[in-house]
Amino acid sequence: MTRDDTDTDDDASVIARSRAQPSLFAVTFDRHSRHIHRYLVRRLGPTSADDVLADTS
């Protein structure tokens, strides 16, 4: 299964399959990282937000 196969799957399905294929968890990260980054910018500022997001990827 590739990352392209997960385009229509919900997050729960992708996370469940990522147990067998850990690289699939990146799909969930990619889907939500923009929103998480915006939240972090509001809470921490742009530089710290970049650092924190990079630590999670």
Protein backbone atom coordinates (compact mmCIF):
# COMPACT_ATOMS: atom_id res chain seq x y z
CA MET A 1 0.00 0.00 0.00
CA THR A 2 1.34 3.41 -0.90
CA ARG A 3 0.64 6.87 0.40
CA ASP A 4 -1.37 7.56 -2.77
CA ASP A 5 -3.77 4.77 -1.81
CA THR A 6 -4.73 6.66 1.34
CA ASP A 7 -6.11 9.83 -0.26
CA THR A 8 -9.73 8.89 0.41
CA ASP A 9 -9.20 7.04 3.70
CA ASP A 10 -10.08 8.70 6.99
CA ASP A 11 -7.43 9.33 9.62
CA ALA A 12 -8.44 6.36 11.77
CA SER A 13 -7.96 3.96 8.86
CA VAL A 14 -4.58 5.42 7.97
CA ILE A 15 -3.40 5.29 11.59
CA ALA A 16 -4.55 1.68 11.95
CA ARG A 17 -2.64 0.68 8.82
CA SER A 18 0.41 2.65 9.92
CA ARG A 19 0.94 0.07 12.66
CA ALA A 20 2.06 -2.35 9.96
CA GLN A 21 3.56 0.36 7.72
CA PRO A 22 4.90 3.16 9.94
CA SER A 23 5.66 5.40 6.95
CA LEU A 24 1.91 5.77 6.37
CA PHE A 25 1.63 7.90 9.51
CA ALA A 26 3.16 10.69 7.43
CA VAL A 27 -0.17 10.90 5.59
CA THR A 28 -1.90 12.00 8.79
CA PHE A 29 0.90 14.41 9.59
CA ASP A 30 0.73 15.94 6.11
CA ARG A 31 -3.04 16.34 6.32
CA HIS A 32 -2.94 18.29 9.57
CA SER A 33 0.48 19.95 9.81
CA ARG A 34 -0.67 23.23 8.25
CA HIS A 35 -3.43 23.64 10.84
CA ILE A 36 -1.16 22.61 13.68
CA HIS A 37 1.48 25.08 12.50
CA ARG A 38 -1.04 27.94 12.49
CA TYR A 39 -2.04 27.07 16.05
CA LEU A 40 1.59 26.93 17.15
CA VAL A 41 2.33 30.30 15.55
CA ARG A 42 -0.50 31.87 17.55
CA ARG A 43 0.71 30.28 20.78
CA LEU A 44 4.51 30.38 20.41
CA GLY A 45 5.42 32.70 17.55
CA PRO A 46 6.69 31.78 14.09
CA THR A 47 10.23 30.69 14.94
CA SER A 48 9.26 28.42 17.82
CA ALA A 49 6.32 27.07 15.82
CA ASP A 50 8.68 26.01 13.02
CA ASP A 51 10.96 24.31 15.54
CA VAL A 52 8.17 22.43 17.30
CA LEU A 53 6.59 21.26 14.04
CA ALA A 54 9.96 20.10 12.75
CA ASP A 55 10.48 18.10 15.95
CA THR A 56 7.26 16.19 15.31
CA SER A 57 7.95 15.25 11.71
